[in-house]
């Protein structure tokens, strides 16, 4: 079975990824796993839902609310209206 990344020919854009189907871990635990595996100290999570915010909080990383999405999280660390704005945050 092809992964999402392979099916959509996205592998060249990602150095590492994980999912609950491969590890049996939750999404938050998979974020932590990828950070540990790749020695990532400063990560952020960009999303648009309360669930995304909860995952970021679980993983101990800042949550950037993508206001152009579909959700309305209760809290966030930063907000962007367009993806290009990520460049200005860091």
PDB file of N, CA and C in Angstrom:
ATOM      1  N   UNK A   1       0.834  -1.172   0.000  1.00  0.00           N
ATOM      2  CA  UNK A   1       0.000   0.000   0.000  1.00  0.00           C
ATOM      3  C   UNK A   1       0.888   1.247   0.000  1.00  0.00           C
ATOM      4  N   UNK A   2       0.609   2.166  -0.894  1.00  0.00           N
ATOM      5  CA  UNK A   2       1.360   3.411  -0.965  1.00  0.00           C
ATOM      6  C   UNK A   2       0.976   4.340   0.184  1.00  0.00           C
ATOM      7  N   UNK A   3       1.963   5.071   0.668  1.00  0.00           N
ATOM      8  CA  UNK A   3       1.665   6.085   1.675  1.00  0.00           C
ATOM      9  C   UNK A   3       1.029   7.294   0.998  1.00  0.00           C
ATOM     10  N   UNK A   4       0.435   8.146   1.780  1.00  0.00           N
ATOM     11  CA  UNK A   4      -0.144   9.388   1.280  1.00  0.00           C
ATOM     12  C   UNK A   4       0.908  10.178   0.513  1.00  0.00           C
ATOM     13  N   UNK A   5       2.119  10.238   1.080  1.00  0.00           N
ATOM     14  CA  UNK A   5       3.196  11.013   0.465  1.00  0.00           C
ATOM     15  C   UNK A   5       3.600  10.428  -0.883  1.00  0.00           C
ATOM     16  N   UNK A   6       3.686   9.124  -0.971  1.00  0.00           N
ATOM     17  CA  UNK A   6       4.053   8.482  -2.233  1.00  0.00           C
ATOM     18  C   UNK A   6       2.939   8.640  -3.264  1.00  0.00           C
ATOM     19  N   UNK A   7       1.720   8.437  -2.855  1.00  0.00           N
ATOM     20  CA  UNK A   7       0.584   8.528  -3.768  1.00  0.00           C
ATOM     21  C   UNK A   7       0.502   9.906  -4.421  1.00  0.00           C
ATOM     22  N   UNK A   8       0.774  10.946  -3.614  1.00  0.00           N
ATOM     23  CA  UNK A   8       0.687  12.315  -4.122  1.00  0.00           C
ATOM     24  C   UNK A   8       2.047  12.880  -4.558  1.00  0.00           C
ATOM     25  N   UNK A   9       3.046  11.986  -4.614  1.00  0.00           N
ATOM     26  CA  UNK A   9       4.404  12.366  -5.045  1.00  0.00           C
ATOM     27  C   UNK A   9       4.987  13.512  -4.207  1.00  0.00           C
ATOM     28  N   UNK A  10       4.847  13.393  -2.903  1.00  0.00           N
ATOM     29  CA  UNK A  10       5.317  14.426  -1.979  1.00  0.00           C
ATOM     30  C   UNK A  10       6.573  14.030  -1.219  1.00  0.00           C
ATOM     31  N   UNK A  11       7.086  12.821  -1.420  1.00  0.00           N
ATOM     32  CA  UNK A  11       8.207  12.339  -0.613  1.00  0.00           C
ATOM     33  C   UNK A  11       9.390  13.284  -0.625  1.00  0.00           C
ATOM     34  N   UNK A  12       9.648  13.930  -1.751  1.00  0.00           N
ATOM     35  CA  UNK A  12      10.820  14.802  -1.868  1.00  0.00           C
ATOM     36  C   UNK A  12      10.729  16.030  -0.962  1.00  0.00           C
ATOM     37  N   UNK A  13       9.538  16.337  -0.448  1.00  0.00           N
ATOM     38  CA  UNK A  13       9.364  17.508   0.401  1.00  0.00           C
ATOM     39  C   UNK A  13       9.471  17.204   1.892  1.00  0.00           C
ATOM     40  N   UNK A  14       9.578  15.942   2.258  1.00  0.00           N
ATOM     41  CA  UNK A  14       9.604  15.553   3.661  1.00  0.00           C
ATOM     42  C   UNK A  14      10.794  14.648   3.949  1.00  0.00           C
ATOM     43  N   UNK A  15      11.527  14.958   5.008  1.00  0.00           N
ATOM     44  CA  UNK A  15      12.649  14.131   5.422  1.00  0.00           C
ATOM     45  C   UNK A  15      12.198  12.981   6.307  1.00  0.00           C
ATOM     46  N   UNK A  16      11.101  13.178   7.030  1.00  0.00           N
ATOM     47  CA  UNK A  16      10.619  12.153   7.952  1.00  0.00           C
ATOM     48  C   UNK A  16       9.125  12.378   8.185  1.00  0.00           C
ATOM     49  N   UNK A  17       8.424  11.321   8.477  1.00  0.00           N
ATOM     50  CA  UNK A  17       7.011  11.406   8.823  1.00  0.00           C
ATOM     51  C   UNK A  17       6.651  10.165   9.620  1.00  0.00           C
ATOM     52  N   UNK A  18       5.514  10.240  10.259  1.00  0.00           N
ATOM     53  CA  UNK A  18       5.040   9.096  11.034  1.00  0.00           C
ATOM     54  C   UNK A  18       3.525   9.149  11.077  1.00  0.00           C
ATOM     55  N   UNK A  19       2.917   8.012  11.391  1.00  0.00           N
ATOM     56  CA  UNK A  19       1.469   7.982  11.535  1.00  0.00           C
ATOM     57  C   UNK A  19       1.069   6.867  12.495  1.00  0.00           C
ATOM     58  N   UNK A  20      -0.105   6.995  13.101  1.00  0.00           N
ATOM     59  CA  UNK A  20      -0.550   6.011  14.083  1.00  0.00           C
ATOM     60  C   UNK A  20      -0.631   4.589  13.532  1.00  0.00           C
ATOM     61  N   UNK A  21      -0.905   4.452  12.243  1.00  0.00           N
ATOM     62  CA  UNK A  21      -0.979   3.121  11.652  1.00  0.00           C
ATOM     63  C   UNK A  21       0.340   2.377  11.671  1.00  0.00           C
ATOM     64  N   UNK A  22       1.437   3.100  11.595  1.00  0.00           N
ATOM     65  CA  UNK A  22       2.760   2.463  11.632  1.00  0.00           C
ATOM     66  C   UNK A  22       3.274   2.246  13.034  1.00  0.00           C
ATOM     67  N   UNK A  23       2.984   3.195  13.942  1.00  0.00           N
ATOM     68  CA  UNK A  23       3.581   3.121  15.274  1.00  0.00           C
ATOM     69  C   UNK A  23       2.631   2.650  16.358  1.00  0.00           C
ATOM     70  N   UNK A  24       1.334   2.819  16.136  1.00  0.00           N
ATOM     71  CA  UNK A  24       0.365   2.523  17.186  1.00  0.00           C
ATOM     72  C   UNK A  24       0.298   3.617  18.237  1.00  0.00           C
ATOM     73  N   UNK A  25       0.990   4.736  17.993  1.00  0.00           N
ATOM     74  CA  UNK A  25       1.009   5.852  18.928  1.00  0.00           C
ATOM     75  C   UNK A  25      -0.026   6.907  18.516  1.00  0.00           C
ATOM     76  N   UNK A  26      -0.346   7.785  19.436  1.00  0.00           N
ATOM     77  CA  UNK A  26      -1.239   8.898  19.115  1.00  0.00           C
ATOM     78  C   UNK A  26      -0.498   9.906  18.240  1.00  0.00           C
ATOM     79  N   UNK A  27      -1.234  10.835  17.653  1.00  0.00           N
ATOM     80  CA  UNK A  27      -0.596  11.864  16.830  1.00  0.00           C
ATOM     81  C   UNK A  27       0.383  12.694  17.649  1.00  0.00           C
ATOM     82  N   UNK A  28       0.002  13.053  18.862  1.00  0.00           N
ATOM     83  CA  UNK A  28       0.911  13.817  19.726  1.00  0.00           C
ATOM     84  C   UNK A  28       2.179  13.052  20.037  1.00  0.00           C
ATOM     85  N   UNK A  29       2.039  11.759  20.308  1.00  0.00           N
ATOM     86  CA  UNK A  29       3.218  10.928  20.570  1.00  0.00           C
ATOM     87  C   UNK A  29       4.086  10.800  19.324  1.00  0.00           C
ATOM     88  N   UNK A  30       3.455  10.736  18.152  1.00  0.00           N
ATOM     89  CA  UNK A  30       4.223  10.669  16.910  1.00  0.00           C
ATOM     90  C   UNK A  30       5.004  11.956  16.656  1.00  0.00           C
ATOM     91  N   UNK A  31       4.420  13.098  17.021  1.00  0.00           N
ATOM     92  CA  UNK A  31       5.156  14.354  16.910  1.00  0.00           C
ATOM     93  C   UNK A  31       6.405  14.294  17.782  1.00  0.00           C
ATOM     94  N   UNK A  32       6.240  13.856  19.010  1.00  0.00           N
ATOM     95  CA  UNK A  32       7.388  13.734  19.912  1.00  0.00           C
ATOM     96  C   UNK A  32       8.420  12.757  19.364  1.00  0.00           C
ATOM     97  N   UNK A  33       7.964  11.645  18.803  1.00  0.00           N
ATOM     98  CA  UNK A  33       8.864  10.649  18.234  1.00  0.00           C
ATOM     99  C   UNK A  33       9.698  11.244  17.101  1.00  0.00           C
ATOM    100  N   UNK A  34       9.056  11.964  16.203  1.00  0.00           N
ATOM    101  CA  UNK A  34       9.773  12.579  15.080  1.00  0.00           C
ATOM    102  C   UNK A  34      10.765  13.618  15.582  1.00  0.00           C
ATOM    103  N   UNK A  35      10.369  14.394  16.580  1.00  0.00           N
ATOM    104  CA  UNK A  35      11.284  15.388  17.133  1.00  0.00           C
ATOM    105  C   UNK A  35      12.501  14.727  17.762  1.00  0.00           C
ATOM    106  N   UNK A  36      12.285  13.667  18.514  1.00  0.00           N
ATOM    107  CA  UNK A  36      13.400  12.950  19.144  1.00  0.00           C
ATOM    108  C   UNK A  36      14.286  12.295  18.093  1.00  0.00           C
ATOM    109  N   UNK A  37      13.684  11.613  17.152  1.00  0.00           N
ATOM    110  CA  UNK A  37      14.414  10.884  16.120  1.00  0.00           C
ATOM    111  C   UNK A  37      15.297  11.807  15.275  1.00  0.00           C
ATOM    112  N   UNK A  38      14.841  13.033  15.079  1.00  0.00           N
ATOM    113  CA  UNK A  38      15.565  13.972  14.229  1.00  0.00           C
ATOM    114  C   UNK A  38      16.266  15.080  15.014  1.00  0.00           C
ATOM    115  N   UNK A  39      16.305  14.929  16.330  1.00  0.00           N
ATOM    116  CA  UNK A  39      16.987  15.887  17.207  1.00  0.00           C
ATOM    117  C   UNK A  39      16.469  17.310  17.004  1.00  0.00           C
ATOM    118  N   UNK A  40      15.152  17.440  16.889  1.00  0.00           N
ATOM    119  CA  UNK A  40      14.520  18.743  16.681  1.00  0.00           C
ATOM    120  C   UNK A  40      14.230  19.365  18.036  1.00  0.00           C
ATOM    121  N   UNK A  41      14.752  20.552  18.240  1.00  0.00           N
ATOM    122  CA  UNK A  41      14.564  21.253  19.510  1.00  0.00           C
ATOM    123  C   UNK A  41      13.512  22.358  19.418  1.00  0.00           C
ATOM    124  N   UNK A  42      13.344  22.954  18.244  1.00  0.00           N
ATOM    125  CA  UNK A  42      12.439  24.090  18.076  1.00  0.00           C
ATOM    126  C   UNK A  42      11.441  23.805  16.966  1.00  0.00           C
ATOM    127  N   UNK A  43      10.348  23.189  17.318  1.00  0.00           N
ATOM    128  CA  UNK A  43       9.302  22.869  16.350  1.00  0.00           C
ATOM    129  C   UNK A  43       8.073  23.727  16.633  1.00  0.00           C
ATOM    130  N   UNK A  44       7.208  23.822  15.653  1.00  0.00           N
ATOM    131  CA  UNK A  44       5.899  24.449  15.809  1.00  0.00           C
ATOM    132  C   UNK A  44       4.886  23.568  15.106  1.00  0.00           C
ATOM    133  N   UNK A  45       3.631  23.749  15.462  1.00  0.00           N
ATOM    134  CA  UNK A  45       2.542  23.031  14.806  1.00  0.00           C
ATOM    135  C   UNK A  45       1.623  24.069  14.185  1.00  0.00           C
ATOM    136  N   UNK A  46       1.415  23.975  12.884  1.00  0.00           N
ATOM    137  CA  UNK A  46       0.512  24.881  12.182  1.00  0.00           C
ATOM    138  C   UNK A  46      -0.781  24.131  11.922  1.00  0.00           C
ATOM    139  N   UNK A  47      -1.884  24.682  12.376  1.00  0.00           N
ATOM    140  CA  UNK A  47      -3.167  24.020  12.183  1.00  0.00           C
ATOM    141  C   UNK A  47      -4.319  24.984  12.340  1.00  0.00           C
ATOM    142  N   UNK A  48      -5.528  24.424  12.261  1.00  0.00           N
ATOM    143  CA  UNK A  48      -6.701  25.292  12.298  1.00  0.00           C
ATOM    144  C   UNK A  48      -7.824  24.780  13.194  1.00  0.00           C
ATOM    145  N   UNK A  49      -7.574  23.773  14.004  1.00  0.00           N
ATOM    146  CA  UNK A  49      -8.646  23.226  14.830  1.00  0.00           C
ATOM    147  C   UNK A  49      -8.236  23.128  16.294  1.00  0.00           C
ATOM    148  N   UNK A  50      -9.235  22.946  17.133  1.00  0.00           N
ATOM    149  CA  UNK A  50      -8.987  22.735  18.555  1.00  0.00           C
ATOM    150  C   UNK A  50      -8.155  21.467  18.761  1.00  0.00           C
ATOM    151  N   UNK A  51      -8.417  20.443  17.947  1.00  0.00           N
ATOM    152  CA  UNK A  51      -7.635  19.210  18.040  1.00  0.00           C
ATOM    153  C   UNK A  51      -6.171  19.440  17.716  1.00  0.00           C
ATOM    154  N   UNK A  52      -5.886  20.261  16.707  1.00  0.00           N
ATOM    155  CA  UNK A  52      -4.497  20.602  16.367  1.00  0.00           C
ATOM    156  C   UNK A  52      -3.824  21.306  17.534  1.00  0.00           C
ATOM    157  N   UNK A  53      -4.550  22.229  18.154  1.00  0.00           N
ATOM    158  CA  UNK A  53      -4.000  22.948  19.298  1.00  0.00           C
ATOM    159  C   UNK A  53      -3.673  21.976  20.441  1.00  0.00           C
ATOM    160  N   UNK A  54      -4.564  21.021  20.672  1.00  0.00           N
ATOM    161  CA  UNK A  54      -4.338  20.043  21.744  1.00  0.00           C
ATOM    162  C   UNK A  54      -3.112  19.185  21.444  1.00  0.00           C
ATOM    163  N   UNK A  55      -2.909  18.811  20.180  1.00  0.00           N
ATOM    164  CA  UNK A  55      -1.735  18.021  19.807  1.00  0.00           C
ATOM    165  C   UNK A  55      -0.452  18.799  20.059  1.00  0.00           C
ATOM    166  N   UNK A  56      -0.458  20.062  19.683  1.00  0.00           N
ATOM    167  CA  UNK A  56       0.720  20.899  19.904  1.00  0.00           C
ATOM    168  C   UNK A  56       1.018  21.012  21.393  1.00  0.00           C
ATOM    169  N   UNK A  57      -0.028  21.234  22.183  1.00  0.00           N
ATOM    170  CA  UNK A  57       0.148  21.345  23.629  1.00  0.00           C
ATOM    171  C   UNK A  57       0.695  20.038  24.202  1.00  0.00           C
ATOM    172  N   UNK A  58       0.150  18.896  23.755  1.00  0.00           N
ATOM    173  CA  UNK A  58       0.625  17.590  24.213  1.00  0.00           C
ATOM    174  C   UNK A  58       2.106  17.415  23.895  1.00  0.00           C
ATOM    175  N   UNK A  59       2.514  17.838  22.694  1.00  0.00           N
ATOM    176  CA  UNK A  59       3.906  17.682  22.260  1.00  0.00           C
ATOM    177  C   UNK A  59       4.819  18.745  22.869  1.00  0.00           C
ATOM    178  N   UNK A  60       4.244  19.754  23.508  1.00  0.00           N
ATOM    179  CA  UNK A  60       5.053  20.783  24.141  1.00  0.00           C
ATOM    180  C   UNK A  60       5.645  21.790  23.167  1.00  0.00           C
ATOM    181  N   UNK A  61       4.932  22.047  22.068  1.00  0.00           N
ATOM    182  CA  UNK A  61       5.430  22.977  21.054  1.00  0.00           C
ATOM    183  C   UNK A  61       4.393  24.076  20.799  1.00  0.00           C
ATOM    184  N   UNK A  62       4.841  25.239  20.316  1.00  0.00           N
ATOM    185  CA  UNK A  62       3.901  26.326  20.033  1.00  0.00           C
ATOM    186  C   UNK A  62       2.914  25.955  18.929  1.00  0.00           C
ATOM    187  N   UNK A  63       1.697  26.491  19.062  1.00  0.00           N
ATOM    188  CA  UNK A  63       0.656  26.269  18.066  1.00  0.00           C
ATOM    189  C   UNK A  63       0.429  27.547  17.283  1.00  0.00           C
ATOM    190  N   UNK A  64       0.526  27.446  15.968  1.00  0.00           N
ATOM    191  CA  UNK A  64       0.261  28.567  15.075  1.00  0.00           C
ATOM    192  C   UNK A  64      -1.082  28.314  14.413  1.00  0.00           C
ATOM    193  N   UNK A  65      -2.026  29.207  14.689  1.00  0.00           N
ATOM    194  CA  UNK A  65      -3.367  29.087  14.134  1.00  0.00           C
ATOM    195  C   UNK A  65      -3.380  29.631  12.711  1.00  0.00           C
ATOM    196  N   UNK A  66      -3.727  28.763  11.762  1.00  0.00           N
ATOM    197  CA  UNK A  66      -3.884  29.137  10.360  1.00  0.00           C
ATOM    198  C   UNK A  66      -5.330  29.596  10.180  1.00  0.00           C
ATOM    199  N   UNK A  67      -5.555  30.895  10.250  1.00  0.00           N
ATOM    200  CA  UNK A  67      -6.919  31.425  10.244  1.00  0.00           C
ATOM    201  C   UNK A  67      -7.635  31.224   8.917  1.00  0.00           C
ATOM    202  N   UNK A  68      -6.927  30.846   7.887  1.00  0.00           N
ATOM    203  CA  UNK A  68      -7.531  30.591   6.575  1.00  0.00           C
ATOM    204  C   UNK A  68      -8.127  29.187   6.499  1.00  0.00           C
ATOM    205  N   UNK A  69      -8.028  28.434   7.591  1.00  0.00           N
ATOM    206  CA  UNK A  69      -8.558  27.075   7.625  1.00  0.00           C
ATOM    207  C   UNK A  69     -10.028  27.057   8.003  1.00  0.00           C
ATOM    208  N   UNK A  70     -10.454  25.941   8.584  1.00  0.00           N
ATOM    209  CA  UNK A  70     -11.872  25.722   8.852  1.00  0.00           C
ATOM    210  C   UNK A  70     -12.259  25.862  10.319  1.00  0.00           C
ATOM    211  N   UNK A  71     -11.316  25.738  11.225  1.00  0.00           N
ATOM    212  CA  UNK A  71     -11.645  25.704  12.635  1.00  0.00           C
ATOM    213  C   UNK A  71     -11.457  27.022  13.350  1.00  0.00           C
ATOM    214  N   UNK A  72     -11.761  26.985  14.625  1.00  0.00           N
ATOM    215  CA  UNK A  72     -11.613  28.148  15.505  1.00  0.00           C
ATOM    216  C   UNK A  72     -11.115  27.664  16.864  1.00  0.00           C
ATOM    217  N   UNK A  73      -9.813  27.436  16.988  1.00  0.00           N
ATOM    218  CA  UNK A  73      -9.303  26.961  18.283  1.00  0.00           C
ATOM    219  C   UNK A  73      -9.484  28.016  19.372  1.00  0.00           C
ATOM    220  N   UNK A  74      -9.601  27.545  20.599  1.00  0.00           N
ATOM    221  CA  UNK A  74      -9.821  28.437  21.733  1.00  0.00           C
ATOM    222  C   UNK A  74      -8.600  29.276  22.062  1.00  0.00           C
ATOM    223  N   UNK A  75      -7.421  28.740  21.795  1.00  0.00           N
ATOM    224  CA  UNK A  75      -6.193  29.472  22.099  1.00  0.00           C
ATOM    225  C   UNK A  75      -5.116  29.095  21.087  1.00  0.00           C
ATOM    226  N   UNK A  76      -4.119  29.945  20.985  1.00  0.00           N
ATOM    227  CA  UNK A  76      -2.997  29.708  20.084  1.00  0.00           C
ATOM    228  C   UNK A  76      -1.851  30.623  20.500  1.00  0.00           C
ATOM    229  N   UNK A  77      -0.657  30.294  20.032  1.00  0.00           N
ATOM    230  CA  UNK A  77       0.521  31.096  20.344  1.00  0.00           C
ATOM    231  C   UNK A  77       0.747  32.196  19.313  1.00  0.00           C
ATOM    232  N   UNK A  78       0.433  31.890  18.077  1.00  0.00           N
ATOM    233  CA  UNK A  78       0.585  32.837  16.970  1.00  0.00           C
ATOM    234  C   UNK A  78      -0.572  32.614  16.009  1.00  0.00           C
ATOM    235  N   UNK A  79      -0.819  33.601  15.162  1.00  0.00           N
ATOM    236  CA  UNK A  79      -1.854  33.465  14.145  1.00  0.00           C
ATOM    237  C   UNK A  79      -1.288  33.944  12.807  1.00  0.00           C
ATOM    238  N   UNK A  80      -1.639  33.220  11.745  1.00  0.00           N
ATOM    239  CA  UNK A  80      -1.257  33.644  10.403  1.00  0.00           C
ATOM    240  C   UNK A  80      -2.503  33.625   9.523  1.00  0.00           C
ATOM    241  N   UNK A  81      -2.538  34.523   8.555  1.00  0.00           N
ATOM    242  CA  UNK A  81      -3.647  34.571   7.606  1.00  0.00           C
ATOM    243  C   UNK A  81      -3.270  33.966   6.268  1.00  0.00           C
ATOM    244  N   UNK A  82      -1.954  33.829   6.031  1.00  0.00           N
ATOM    245  CA  UNK A  82      -1.441  33.217   4.803  1.00  0.00           C
ATOM    246  C   UNK A  82      -0.162  32.463   5.143  1.00  0.00           C
ATOM    247  N   UNK A  83       0.124  31.363   4.470  1.00  0.00           N
ATOM    248  CA  UNK A  83       1.321  30.573   4.771  1.00  0.00           C
ATOM    249  C   UNK A  83       2.627  31.386   4.705  1.00  0.00           C
ATOM    250  N   UNK A  84       2.721  32.334   3.814  1.00  0.00           N
ATOM    251  CA  UNK A  84       3.939  33.132   3.674  1.00  0.00           C
ATOM    252  C   UNK A  84       4.290  33.863   4.969  1.00  0.00           C
ATOM    253  N   UNK A  85       3.297  34.106   5.810  1.00  0.00           N
ATOM    254  CA  UNK A  85       3.529  34.824   7.070  1.00  0.00           C
ATOM    255  C   UNK A  85       4.389  34.033   8.049  1.00  0.00           C
ATOM    256  N   UNK A  86       4.522  32.727   7.834  1.00  0.00           N
ATOM    257  CA  UNK A  86       5.415  31.925   8.689  1.00  0.00           C
ATOM    258  C   UNK A  86       6.834  32.466   8.641  1.00  0.00           C
ATOM    259  N   UNK A  87       7.248  32.971   7.507  1.00  0.00           N
ATOM    260  CA  UNK A  87       8.594  33.488   7.361  1.00  0.00           C
ATOM    261  C   UNK A  87       8.849  34.680   8.278  1.00  0.00           C
ATOM    262  N   UNK A  88       7.824  35.450   8.568  1.00  0.00           N
ATOM    263  CA  UNK A  88       7.972  36.613   9.427  1.00  0.00           C
ATOM    264  C   UNK A  88       7.988  36.264  10.912  1.00  0.00           C
ATOM    265  N   UNK A  89       7.476  35.102  11.254  1.00  0.00           N
ATOM    266  CA  UNK A  89       7.431  34.709  12.669  1.00  0.00           C
ATOM    267  C   UNK A  89       8.790  34.282  13.197  1.00  0.00           C
ATOM    268  N   UNK A  90       9.574  33.683  12.330  1.00  0.00           N
ATOM    269  CA  UNK A  90      10.828  33.124  12.802  1.00  0.00           C
ATOM    270  C   UNK A  90      11.944  33.601  11.940  1.00  0.00           C
TER     271      UNK A  90
END
